[in-house]
């Protein structure tokens, strides 16, 4: 398959076929290369491969054919030059920080990111002398005002977790580049099916492959997509040394996930849109956060930079934690779990799960109230999802 220029094909075709160079066995499905090491024909060949003078597999901590196929395929789908796979989404974010930052550097991050991402910047990078300022995702002036001479990159999720706010990627890329910074975008909610941040000016994309890329809640993994220069100079050396490696088995599962990603994302979006409109009509619901609704503050922006509105809906009830927990506990079919992107609909209370380790003050700044419920809408019949929520509403 090496004669193909996969850039000439659509995303749906790339997701199914790109990156797989068949072995001499002529397999149709990508095999799992379950090996930790590789045998060399001679001491000279081993030396040349270890020093990078000769391409080839060395050790599965940083070279594995199954993982490499996943990397090639996701890079093509994101319109990026190169992808590196990691053991988890948080490992991918850690790799970006470890590869690009040093003591004395500064980061500007949206405050509307996954709780563990905030803790990573504050508690771990901060421990080694990296300062992070957090700003409102949609306030472009606040982003620019927070940039310092030592700012290395801007970091954000769009849509955000869990309030589904939308950032103007192109505008933020322009701000970052004007000040000599990089823009890092977590694209986990949209995937390359709905949004391509690199085409909008971003420099680096991070993914939690655990979510929609897998699609069935089976494996944990992550990825970083960027230019070959950024990967080779900053990210790959950390992976080779640090060992936050994706396993061959997990890469094989994620490859299967990519094959159905486009059709799944359309179905997730259709169900989520229908559920959001229905929730917006319920008397016990105070507010629905979903960019497909015209009432959403960034509805027009979402229409411009996304091909659909996503599969996650969050909403606030007329009541506090007690009412939110009552709703969650009343469901019979929905899965009470903090994971998202699954074919099974999941429901969670962000203030006490995904963002529960943050202080009440930080949660309040991010707009995460005790009445907020987040639903990752799966592929069940949407009427069944509504009926499961109805008793608690």
Protein backbone atom coordinates (compact mmCIF):
# COMPACT_ATOMS: atom_id res chain seq x y z
CA UNK A 1 0.00 0.00 0.00
CA UNK A 2 3.06 2.27 -0.01
CA UNK A 3 2.33 3.52 -3.57
CA UNK A 4 -0.81 5.30 -2.43
CA UNK A 5 -0.86 9.03 -1.72
CA UNK A 6 -3.47 8.93 1.00
CA UNK A 7 -3.78 12.72 1.02
CA UNK A 8 -5.78 12.33 -2.21
CA UNK A 9 -8.45 10.31 -0.37
CA UNK A 10 -11.26 11.37 1.93
CA UNK A 11 -11.10 11.11 5.72
CA UNK A 12 -13.51 8.17 5.75
CA UNK A 13 -11.24 6.18 3.43
CA UNK A 14 -8.06 7.19 5.26
CA UNK A 15 -9.63 6.03 8.53
CA UNK A 16 -10.14 2.54 7.13
CA UNK A 17 -7.11 1.92 4.95
CA UNK A 18 -4.23 4.37 5.42
CA UNK A 19 -0.94 3.53 7.07
CA UNK A 20 -1.04 -0.26 6.80
CA UNK A 21 1.88 -1.77 4.84
CA UNK A 22 1.02 -5.43 4.46
CA UNK A 23 3.62 -7.96 5.51
CA UNK A 24 4.74 -10.92 3.40
CA UNK A 25 1.80 -12.86 4.91
CA UNK A 26 -0.68 -10.75 2.90
CA UNK A 27 -2.99 -10.05 5.85
CA UNK A 28 -6.14 -8.01 5.23
CA UNK A 29 -6.50 -6.74 8.80
CA UNK A 30 -3.71 -4.94 10.64
CA UNK A 31 -1.81 -7.45 12.81
CA UNK A 32 -0.76 -6.90 16.41
CA UNK A 33 3.02 -6.87 16.70
CA UNK A 34 3.26 -8.20 20.23
CA UNK A 35 6.99 -7.91 20.68
CA UNK A 36 9.17 -5.81 22.94
CA UNK A 37 12.32 -5.97 20.81
CA UNK A 38 13.53 -6.63 17.26
CA UNK A 39 16.34 -8.74 15.86
CA UNK A 40 19.09 -7.20 13.70
CA UNK A 41 20.98 -8.91 10.90
CA UNK A 42 24.33 -7.75 12.22
CA UNK A 43 25.99 -5.63 14.88
CA UNK A 44 26.49 -2.94 12.26
CA UNK A 45 22.76 -2.82 11.43
CA UNK A 46 21.93 -2.60 15.13
CA UNK A 47 24.34 0.30 15.53
CA UNK A 48 22.99 2.16 12.51
CA UNK A 49 19.38 1.80 13.67
CA UNK A 50 20.11 2.82 17.25
CA UNK A 51 21.91 5.96 16.07
CA UNK A 52 19.15 6.84 13.60
CA UNK A 53 21.30 6.44 10.50
CA UNK A 54 19.12 3.57 9.29
CA UNK A 55 15.33 3.56 9.71
CA UNK A 56 13.64 0.59 11.32
CA UNK A 57 12.29 -0.87 14.51
CA UNK A 58 14.50 -0.82 17.59
CA UNK A 59 12.43 -1.30 20.74
CA UNK A 60 8.67 -1.16 21.27
CA UNK A 61 8.92 1.61 23.81
CA UNK A 62 9.21 3.95 20.82
CA UNK A 63 8.97 1.87 17.61
CA UNK A 64 6.23 -0.68 16.92
CA UNK A 65 4.54 -1.40 13.55
CA UNK A 66 1.00 -1.53 14.96
CA UNK A 67 1.44 1.71 16.86
CA UNK A 68 3.11 3.27 13.82
CA UNK A 69 0.09 2.46 11.65
CA UNK A 70 -2.20 4.16 14.15
CA UNK A 71 0.09 7.19 14.21
CA UNK A 72 0.20 7.50 10.42
CA UNK A 73 -3.56 7.13 10.10
CA UNK A 74 -4.46 9.72 12.73
CA UNK A 75 -1.90 12.21 11.37
CA UNK A 76 -3.50 11.95 7.92
CA UNK A 77 -6.99 12.41 9.33
CA UNK A 78 -5.91 15.53 11.27
CA UNK A 79 -4.04 16.94 8.23
CA UNK A 80 -0.85 16.86 10.29
CA UNK A 81 2.68 15.92 9.35
CA UNK A 82 3.32 13.49 12.18
CA UNK A 83 1.63 11.82 15.15
CA UNK A 84 3.01 10.16 18.26
CA UNK A 85 0.88 7.80 20.35
CA UNK A 86 0.96 7.66 24.15
CA UNK A 87 -0.35 5.54 26.99
CA UNK A 88 -3.19 7.98 27.78
CA UNK A 89 -4.53 11.40 26.91
CA UNK A 90 -2.92 12.84 30.05
CA UNK A 91 0.39 11.24 29.03
CA UNK A 92 0.08 13.06 25.70
CA UNK A 93 -0.42 16.40 27.46
CA UNK A 94 2.49 15.60 29.77
CA UNK A 95 4.66 14.90 26.73
CA UNK A 96 3.84 18.31 25.23
CA UNK A 97 4.79 20.01 28.47
CA UNK A 98 7.93 17.98 29.07
CA UNK A 99 9.03 18.42 25.49
CA UNK A 100 8.44 22.16 25.17
CA UNK A 101 8.78 23.63 28.67
CA UNK A 102 11.67 24.38 31.02
CA UNK A 103 11.95 26.08 34.41
CA UNK A 104 11.02 29.74 34.10
CA UNK A 105 8.61 29.25 31.20
CA UNK A 106 4.99 30.34 31.23
CA UNK A 107 1.76 28.81 29.88
CA UNK A 108 -1.65 30.35 29.33
CA UNK A 109 -4.46 27.81 29.63
CA UNK A 110 -8.20 27.96 29.41
CA UNK A 111 -9.74 27.43 32.82
CA UNK A 112 -12.39 25.32 31.07
CA UNK A 113 -10.26 22.21 30.66
CA UNK A 114 -10.37 18.74 32.20
CA UNK A 115 -9.74 18.90 35.94
CA UNK A 116 -6.60 16.75 35.79
CA UNK A 117 -5.14 19.06 33.13
CA UNK A 118 -5.46 21.99 35.53
CA UNK A 119 -3.83 19.94 38.28
CA UNK A 120 -1.00 18.91 35.96
CA UNK A 121 -0.15 22.50 35.10
CA UNK A 122 -0.54 23.74 38.67
CA UNK A 123 0.83 20.92 40.80
CA UNK A 124 3.42 19.25 38.59
CA UNK A 125 4.75 21.65 35.99
CA UNK A 126 4.44 24.33 38.66
CA UNK A 127 6.66 22.30 40.98
CA UNK A 128 9.45 22.54 38.41
CA UNK A 129 9.21 26.29 37.91
CA UNK A 130 6.64 26.58 35.11
CA UNK A 131 3.98 29.20 35.78
CA UNK A 132 0.45 28.86 34.37
CA UNK A 133 -2.26 31.50 34.15
CA UNK A 134 -5.84 30.42 33.53
CA UNK A 135 -8.26 32.55 31.51
CA UNK A 136 -11.83 32.41 30.27
CA UNK A 137 -11.94 30.30 27.11
CA UNK A 138 -14.01 32.71 25.03
CA UNK A 139 -12.37 35.99 26.15
CA UNK A 140 -9.81 36.78 23.44
CA UNK A 141 -8.66 39.94 25.22
CA UNK A 142 -7.95 37.94 28.39
CA UNK A 143 -5.83 35.47 26.42
CA UNK A 144 -3.72 38.21 24.91
CA UNK A 145 -3.40 40.12 28.19
CA UNK A 146 -2.13 36.98 29.96
CA UNK A 147 0.75 36.39 27.52
CA UNK A 148 4.21 37.22 28.88
CA UNK A 149 7.64 37.36 27.21
CA UNK A 150 8.35 33.84 28.53
CA UNK A 151 5.01 32.32 27.43
CA UNK A 152 5.72 29.14 25.48
CA UNK A 153 2.24 28.05 24.43
CA UNK A 154 -1.51 28.56 24.82
CA UNK A 155 -3.56 25.47 25.75
CA UNK A 156 -7.27 24.86 25.35
CA UNK A 157 -10.06 22.37 24.77
CA UNK A 158 -12.80 23.23 22.32
CA UNK A 159 -15.57 22.35 22.85
CA UNK A 160 -14.77 22.62 26.53
CA UNK A 161 -15.41 20.06 29.22
CA UNK A 162 -18.06 20.11 30.65
CA UNK A 163 -19.77 23.36 29.58
CA UNK A 164 -19.34 22.81 25.82
CA UNK A 165 -18.07 26.34 25.17
CA UNK A 166 -16.44 27.01 21.80
CA UNK A 167 -13.11 28.78 21.33
CA UNK A 168 -12.24 30.72 18.20
CA UNK A 169 -9.24 28.64 17.13
CA UNK A 170 -8.20 30.89 14.25
CA UNK A 171 -8.30 34.03 16.39
CA UNK A 172 -6.32 32.38 19.19
CA UNK A 173 -3.77 31.05 16.69
CA UNK A 174 -3.27 34.58 15.39
CA UNK A 175 -2.78 35.89 18.94
CA UNK A 176 -0.35 33.11 19.82
CA UNK A 177 1.74 33.54 16.70
CA UNK A 178 1.84 37.32 17.04
CA UNK A 179 3.57 36.81 20.39
CA UNK A 180 5.83 33.98 19.26
CA UNK A 181 3.84 31.28 21.05
CA UNK A 182 2.40 27.94 19.97
CA UNK A 183 -1.29 27.02 20.13
CA UNK A 184 -2.14 23.60 21.55
CA UNK A 185 -5.70 22.33 21.06
CA UNK A 186 -7.28 19.31 22.75
CA UNK A 187 -9.56 17.97 20.00
CA UNK A 188 -11.04 15.08 21.94
CA UNK A 189 -14.69 16.21 21.83
CA UNK A 190 -14.77 16.78 18.06
CA UNK A 191 -12.15 14.40 16.64
CA UNK A 192 -10.88 15.12 13.11
CA UNK A 193 -14.30 14.16 11.79
CA UNK A 194 -15.89 17.36 13.12
CA UNK A 195 -12.96 19.77 13.45
CA UNK A 196 -9.40 20.17 12.16
CA UNK A 197 -7.53 22.62 14.40
CA UNK A 198 -4.32 22.54 12.34
CA UNK A 199 -6.18 23.90 9.31
CA UNK A 200 -7.45 26.73 11.54
CA UNK A 201 -3.92 27.69 12.61
CA UNK A 202 -3.20 25.51 15.66
CA UNK A 203 0.33 24.10 16.00
CA UNK A 204 -0.29 21.00 18.11
CA UNK A 205 -3.30 18.73 18.66
CA UNK A 206 -3.67 16.39 21.62
CA UNK A 207 -6.14 13.53 21.88
CA UNK A 208 -7.44 11.14 24.44
CA UNK A 209 -7.94 8.14 22.16
CA UNK A 210 -9.80 6.59 25.10
CA UNK A 211 -12.88 8.56 24.10
CA UNK A 212 -14.42 8.70 20.61
CA UNK A 213 -11.43 7.19 18.78
CA UNK A 214 -11.94 3.93 20.65
CA UNK A 215 -15.67 4.50 20.86
CA UNK A 216 -16.50 1.53 23.05
CA UNK A 217 -14.68 2.24 26.30
CA UNK A 218 -12.17 -0.60 25.92
CA UNK A 219 -8.69 0.93 26.06
CA UNK A 220 -6.77 3.95 27.33
CA UNK A 221 -4.49 5.92 25.01
CA UNK A 222 -3.50 9.35 23.74
CA UNK A 223 -1.84 11.10 20.83
CA UNK A 224 0.00 14.27 19.82
CA UNK A 225 -0.15 15.58 16.24
CA UNK A 226 2.14 18.38 15.04
CA UNK A 227 4.74 19.29 12.44
CA UNK A 228 7.59 16.90 11.91
CA UNK A 229 9.95 19.52 13.35
CA UNK A 230 8.04 19.87 16.64
CA UNK A 231 7.63 16.11 17.00
CA UNK A 232 11.23 15.25 16.15
CA UNK A 233 12.90 17.99 18.20
CA UNK A 234 10.63 18.17 21.24
CA UNK A 235 8.10 15.33 21.65
CA UNK A 236 9.78 12.19 20.29
CA UNK A 237 12.90 12.52 22.50
CA UNK A 238 10.64 12.59 25.57
CA UNK A 239 8.70 9.51 24.43
CA UNK A 240 11.91 7.60 23.67
CA UNK A 241 13.35 8.43 27.08
CA UNK A 242 10.25 8.70 29.27
CA UNK A 243 8.41 5.62 28.01
CA UNK A 244 4.77 6.77 28.22
CA UNK A 245 4.16 4.24 25.46
CA UNK A 246 0.95 3.05 23.81
CA UNK A 247 0.77 -0.73 23.74
CA UNK A 248 0.49 -2.57 20.44
CA UNK A 249 -2.81 -4.12 21.52
CA UNK A 250 -4.34 -0.74 22.36
CA UNK A 251 -3.15 0.70 19.04
CA UNK A 252 -4.82 -2.20 17.26
CA UNK A 253 -8.09 -1.49 19.08
CA UNK A 254 -7.86 2.22 18.23
CA UNK A 255 -7.25 1.38 14.56
CA UNK A 256 -10.54 -0.51 14.59
CA UNK A 257 -12.15 2.48 16.25
CA UNK A 258 -10.91 4.84 13.56
CA UNK A 259 -12.53 2.68 10.89
CA UNK A 260 -16.02 3.51 12.18
CA UNK A 261 -15.30 6.97 13.62
CA UNK A 262 -17.00 9.01 10.89
CA UNK A 263 -20.28 7.12 10.96
CA UNK A 264 -20.30 7.00 14.76
CA UNK A 265 -19.66 10.72 15.14
CA UNK A 266 -22.57 11.57 12.85
CA UNK A 267 -24.88 9.34 14.89
CA UNK A 268 -23.58 10.74 18.21
CA UNK A 269 -24.18 14.28 16.97
CA UNK A 270 -27.68 13.55 15.68
CA UNK A 271 -28.72 11.96 18.98
CA UNK A 272 -27.13 14.72 21.07
CA UNK A 273 -28.83 17.47 19.07
CA UNK A 274 -32.21 15.80 19.47
CA UNK A 275 -31.65 15.28 23.21
CA UNK A 276 -30.48 18.88 23.73
CA UNK A 277 -33.63 20.25 22.09
CA UNK A 278 -35.76 17.97 24.25
CA UNK A 279 -33.97 18.91 27.49
CA UNK A 280 -34.40 22.57 26.63
CA UNK A 281 -38.18 22.05 26.86
CA UNK A 282 -38.17 20.37 30.29
CA UNK A 283 -39.50 22.53 33.13
CA UNK A 284 -36.98 21.23 35.67
CA UNK A 285 -34.00 22.18 33.47
CA UNK A 286 -32.66 25.69 34.01
CA UNK A 287 -30.16 25.78 31.13
CA UNK A 288 -28.84 23.49 28.41
CA UNK A 289 -25.26 23.79 27.17
CA UNK A 290 -25.08 22.58 23.57
CA UNK A 291 -23.70 24.57 20.62
CA UNK A 292 -26.37 23.29 18.27
CA UNK A 293 -28.97 25.37 20.10
CA UNK A 294 -29.39 28.93 18.85
CA UNK A 295 -29.37 30.06 22.49
CA UNK A 296 -25.75 28.94 22.84
CA UNK A 297 -23.39 31.92 22.95
CA UNK A 298 -21.02 30.45 20.35
CA UNK A 299 -23.64 28.86 18.09
CA UNK A 300 -22.51 30.75 14.98
CA UNK A 301 -18.82 30.09 15.68
CA UNK A 302 -19.53 26.37 16.09
CA UNK A 303 -21.27 26.38 12.70
CA UNK A 304 -18.17 27.95 11.12
CA UNK A 305 -15.38 25.78 12.53
CA UNK A 306 -17.12 22.46 13.16
CA UNK A 307 -18.99 20.24 10.71
CA UNK A 308 -21.49 19.25 13.44
CA UNK A 309 -22.14 20.19 17.07
CA UNK A 310 -20.75 17.18 18.93
CA UNK A 311 -22.02 14.31 21.04
CA UNK A 312 -21.87 15.80 24.56
CA UNK A 313 -24.68 17.74 26.24
CA UNK A 314 -24.54 19.33 29.67
CA UNK A 315 -27.38 21.01 31.52
CA UNK A 316 -28.19 22.67 34.82
CA UNK A 317 -31.17 21.67 36.90
CA UNK A 318 -33.33 23.93 39.04
CA UNK A 319 -31.68 22.75 42.21
CA UNK A 320 -28.25 21.86 43.57
CA UNK A 321 -26.25 18.69 44.02
CA UNK A 322 -29.16 16.84 45.61
CA UNK A 323 -31.34 17.32 42.56
CA UNK A 324 -28.50 16.41 40.17
CA UNK A 325 -27.69 13.24 42.08
CA UNK A 326 -31.39 12.34 42.23
CA UNK A 327 -31.64 12.58 38.45
CA UNK A 328 -28.51 10.50 37.90
CA UNK A 329 -29.59 7.84 40.40
CA UNK A 330 -33.05 7.58 38.84
CA UNK A 331 -31.70 6.36 35.52
CA UNK A 332 -31.86 2.65 34.77
CA UNK A 333 -30.20 2.30 31.37
CA UNK A 334 -27.64 5.11 31.29
CA UNK A 335 -24.17 4.32 32.61
CA UNK A 336 -23.06 6.38 35.61
CA UNK A 337 -19.44 6.89 34.62
CA UNK A 338 -17.16 9.82 33.89
CA UNK A 339 -15.90 8.39 30.59
CA UNK A 340 -17.29 9.83 27.37
CA UNK A 341 -17.31 9.07 23.65
CA UNK A 342 -18.80 5.61 24.17
CA UNK A 343 -21.53 3.98 22.09
CA UNK A 344 -23.29 3.63 25.46
CA UNK A 345 -24.73 6.85 26.86
CA UNK A 346 -22.94 7.96 30.02
CA UNK A 347 -24.00 10.44 32.69
CA UNK A 348 -21.95 12.12 35.39
CA UNK A 349 -21.90 14.97 37.90
CA UNK A 350 -18.76 16.97 36.99
CA UNK A 351 -18.50 18.90 40.27
CA UNK A 352 -17.94 15.67 42.22
CA UNK A 353 -16.22 13.51 39.58
CA UNK A 354 -14.15 14.89 36.69
CA UNK A 355 -13.60 18.24 38.44
CA UNK A 356 -14.06 17.05 42.01
CA UNK A 357 -10.40 17.50 42.97
CA UNK A 358 -10.51 21.20 42.16
CA UNK A 359 -11.27 23.72 44.86
CA UNK A 360 -14.80 25.16 44.99
CA UNK A 361 -13.32 28.51 43.97
CA UNK A 362 -11.68 27.10 40.84
CA UNK A 363 -14.88 25.25 39.91
CA UNK A 364 -16.87 28.45 40.35
CA UNK A 365 -14.46 30.35 38.09
CA UNK A 366 -14.94 27.66 35.45
CA UNK A 367 -18.74 27.82 35.76
CA UNK A 368 -19.10 24.27 37.06
CA UNK A 369 -22.05 24.39 39.42
CA UNK A 370 -23.42 21.71 41.73
CA UNK A 371 -26.54 21.51 39.56
CA UNK A 372 -24.61 20.67 36.38
CA UNK A 373 -25.04 17.24 34.76
CA UNK A 374 -23.05 16.05 31.73
CA UNK A 375 -24.28 13.44 29.29
CA UNK A 376 -22.15 11.82 26.60
CA UNK A 377 -24.90 10.77 24.22
CA UNK A 378 -24.46 7.28 22.86
CA UNK A 379 -25.95 5.40 19.95
CA UNK A 380 -29.03 3.91 21.61
CA UNK A 381 -32.43 4.96 20.35
CA UNK A 382 -32.75 8.58 21.47
CA UNK A 383 -36.32 8.01 22.68
CA UNK A 384 -35.01 5.38 25.10
CA UNK A 385 -32.44 7.90 26.40
CA UNK A 386 -35.18 10.50 26.95
CA UNK A 387 -37.40 8.00 28.75
CA UNK A 388 -34.56 6.97 31.01
CA UNK A 389 -34.09 10.60 32.08
CA UNK A 390 -37.78 11.37 32.38
CA UNK A 391 -38.35 9.90 35.86
CA UNK A 392 -35.60 12.02 37.41
CA UNK A 393 -36.70 15.15 35.59
